[in-house]
N, C-alpha and C. Protein backbone atom coordinates (compact mmCIF):
# COMPACT_ATOMS: atom_id res chain seq x y z
N MET A 1 -14.68 34.03 -32.44
CA MET A 1 -15.55 33.54 -31.36
C MET A 1 -14.71 32.98 -30.20
N GLY A 2 -13.69 32.20 -30.56
CA GLY A 2 -12.85 31.57 -29.53
C GLY A 2 -12.20 32.60 -28.61
N LEU A 3 -11.83 33.76 -29.19
CA LEU A 3 -11.18 34.79 -28.39
C LEU A 3 -12.20 35.62 -27.60
N LYS A 4 -13.40 35.78 -28.15
CA LYS A 4 -14.41 36.64 -27.50
C LYS A 4 -15.11 35.95 -26.33
N THR A 5 -15.33 34.64 -26.40
CA THR A 5 -16.10 33.96 -25.34
C THR A 5 -15.45 34.02 -23.95
N PRO A 6 -14.14 33.91 -23.80
CA PRO A 6 -13.58 33.95 -22.45
C PRO A 6 -13.83 35.29 -21.74
N GLY A 7 -13.90 36.37 -22.50
CA GLY A 7 -14.09 37.70 -21.91
C GLY A 7 -15.28 37.78 -20.97
N PRO A 8 -16.51 37.57 -21.48
CA PRO A 8 -17.69 37.65 -20.61
C PRO A 8 -17.67 36.66 -19.46
N ILE A 9 -17.16 35.46 -19.72
CA ILE A 9 -17.09 34.43 -18.67
C ILE A 9 -16.19 34.92 -17.54
N VAL A 10 -15.02 35.42 -17.90
CA VAL A 10 -14.07 35.94 -16.91
C VAL A 10 -14.71 37.11 -16.16
N TRP A 11 -15.42 37.97 -16.90
CA TRP A 11 -16.08 39.14 -16.31
C TRP A 11 -17.14 38.71 -15.29
N VAL A 12 -17.96 37.73 -15.68
CA VAL A 12 -19.02 37.22 -14.78
C VAL A 12 -18.40 36.57 -13.55
N VAL A 13 -17.40 35.71 -13.78
CA VAL A 13 -16.73 35.04 -12.66
C VAL A 13 -16.10 36.08 -11.74
N GLY A 14 -15.46 37.07 -12.35
CA GLY A 14 -14.85 38.15 -11.57
C GLY A 14 -15.88 38.90 -10.74
N LYS A 15 -17.02 39.21 -11.37
CA LYS A 15 -18.10 39.91 -10.66
C LYS A 15 -18.61 39.08 -9.49
N VAL A 16 -18.87 37.81 -9.75
CA VAL A 16 -19.37 36.90 -8.70
C VAL A 16 -18.36 36.82 -7.56
N PHE A 17 -17.09 36.65 -7.91
CA PHE A 17 -16.02 36.57 -6.91
C PHE A 17 -15.96 37.87 -6.11
N PHE A 18 -16.04 38.99 -6.82
CA PHE A 18 -16.00 40.32 -6.20
C PHE A 18 -17.13 40.47 -5.19
N PHE A 19 -18.34 40.08 -5.60
CA PHE A 19 -19.51 40.21 -4.72
C PHE A 19 -19.42 39.26 -3.52
N THR A 20 -18.91 38.04 -3.76
CA THR A 20 -18.77 37.09 -2.64
C THR A 20 -17.75 37.62 -1.63
N GLN A 21 -16.69 38.25 -2.12
CA GLN A 21 -15.68 38.82 -1.23
C GLN A 21 -16.29 39.94 -0.40
N ILE A 22 -17.06 40.82 -1.05
CA ILE A 22 -17.74 41.92 -0.34
C ILE A 22 -18.68 41.35 0.71
N PHE A 23 -19.44 40.33 0.32
CA PHE A 23 -20.40 39.70 1.24
C PHE A 23 -19.69 39.08 2.44
N LYS A 24 -18.57 38.39 2.17
CA LYS A 24 -17.80 37.75 3.25
C LYS A 24 -17.28 38.80 4.22
N THR A 25 -16.63 39.84 3.69
CA THR A 25 -16.06 40.88 4.54
C THR A 25 -17.18 41.61 5.28
N GLY A 26 -18.28 41.87 4.58
CA GLY A 26 -19.44 42.52 5.20
C GLY A 26 -19.98 41.69 6.34
N TRP A 27 -20.07 40.39 6.13
CA TRP A 27 -20.59 39.48 7.16
C TRP A 27 -19.66 39.44 8.36
N ILE A 28 -18.34 39.44 8.11
CA ILE A 28 -17.35 39.44 9.20
C ILE A 28 -17.48 40.72 10.01
N ILE A 29 -17.58 41.86 9.32
CA ILE A 29 -17.74 43.16 9.99
C ILE A 29 -19.04 43.15 10.80
N PHE A 30 -20.11 42.63 10.18
CA PHE A 30 -21.43 42.55 10.83
C PHE A 30 -21.33 41.72 12.12
N LEU A 31 -20.67 40.57 12.03
CA LEU A 31 -20.52 39.69 13.19
C LEU A 31 -19.67 40.36 14.28
N PHE A 32 -18.68 41.16 13.87
CA PHE A 32 -17.81 41.83 14.84
C PHE A 32 -18.52 43.00 15.51
N LEU A 33 -19.29 43.77 14.73
CA LEU A 33 -19.92 44.98 15.26
C LEU A 33 -21.11 44.68 16.16
N ILE A 34 -21.96 43.75 15.76
CA ILE A 34 -23.20 43.49 16.51
C ILE A 34 -22.92 43.02 17.94
N PRO A 35 -22.04 42.03 18.17
CA PRO A 35 -21.78 41.63 19.56
C PRO A 35 -21.21 42.77 20.40
N LYS A 36 -20.37 43.61 19.82
CA LYS A 36 -19.79 44.75 20.54
C LYS A 36 -20.90 45.69 20.99
N LYS A 37 -21.84 45.98 20.09
CA LYS A 37 -22.97 46.85 20.43
C LYS A 37 -23.81 46.21 21.53
N GLY A 38 -24.06 44.91 21.40
CA GLY A 38 -24.84 44.19 22.40
C GLY A 38 -24.16 44.23 23.77
N LEU A 39 -22.84 44.03 23.79
CA LEU A 39 -22.09 44.06 25.04
C LEU A 39 -22.15 45.44 25.66
N LYS A 40 -22.00 46.48 24.85
CA LYS A 40 -22.07 47.85 25.35
C LYS A 40 -23.42 48.13 25.98
N ASN A 41 -24.49 47.71 25.30
CA ASN A 41 -25.84 47.90 25.82
C ASN A 41 -26.04 47.16 27.13
N LYS A 42 -25.55 45.93 27.21
CA LYS A 42 -25.68 45.13 28.43
C LYS A 42 -24.95 45.80 29.59
N VAL A 43 -23.73 46.25 29.34
CA VAL A 43 -22.93 46.92 30.37
C VAL A 43 -23.64 48.19 30.81
N PHE A 44 -24.17 48.93 29.84
CA PHE A 44 -24.87 50.18 30.12
C PHE A 44 -26.10 49.92 30.99
N LEU A 45 -26.87 48.89 30.62
CA LEU A 45 -28.07 48.54 31.38
C LEU A 45 -27.70 48.07 32.78
N ASN A 46 -26.67 47.26 32.89
CA ASN A 46 -26.22 46.77 34.20
C ASN A 46 -25.77 47.94 35.07
N GLY A 47 -25.06 48.89 34.46
CA GLY A 47 -24.62 50.09 35.18
C GLY A 47 -25.81 50.87 35.71
N LYS A 48 -26.84 51.02 34.88
CA LYS A 48 -28.05 51.74 35.29
C LYS A 48 -28.73 51.01 36.44
N LYS A 49 -28.85 49.69 36.32
CA LYS A 49 -29.51 48.89 37.36
C LYS A 49 -28.75 49.02 38.69
N LYS A 50 -27.43 48.97 38.62
CA LYS A 50 -26.60 49.10 39.83
C LYS A 50 -26.82 50.46 40.48
N LYS A 51 -26.86 51.51 39.66
CA LYS A 51 -27.08 52.86 40.18
C LYS A 51 -28.44 52.96 40.86
N LEU A 52 -29.45 52.37 40.22
CA LEU A 52 -30.82 52.40 40.77
C LEU A 52 -30.86 51.66 42.11
N SER A 53 -30.23 50.50 42.18
CA SER A 53 -30.24 49.71 43.41
C SER A 53 -29.51 50.48 44.52
N LYS A 54 -28.44 51.20 44.18
CA LYS A 54 -27.70 52.00 45.16
C LYS A 54 -28.59 53.12 45.70
N ASN A 55 -29.32 53.77 44.81
CA ASN A 55 -30.22 54.85 45.21
C ASN A 55 -31.31 54.34 46.13
N LYS A 56 -31.84 53.16 45.83
CA LYS A 56 -32.91 52.57 46.64
C LYS A 56 -32.37 52.23 48.04
N SER A 57 -31.17 51.71 48.11
CA SER A 57 -30.60 51.33 49.40
C SER A 57 -30.34 52.57 50.27
N LYS A 58 -30.02 53.70 49.65
CA LYS A 58 -29.77 54.95 50.39
C LYS A 58 -31.04 55.46 51.05
N THR A 59 -32.16 55.41 50.34
CA THR A 59 -33.42 55.97 50.86
C THR A 59 -34.01 55.10 51.96
């Protein structure tokens, strides 16, 4: 019993640690990707607005 009990405990702790690491890295990637997408969209929208205002001023 003494030799068998550490196995599952280590396995569970390892699994929990593994999942927390995945979650942490996933969250970091999520935080990095979302602002970049938001910035791209903002720049794209601003570019469109500028083009529209230029067209209006020409007419």
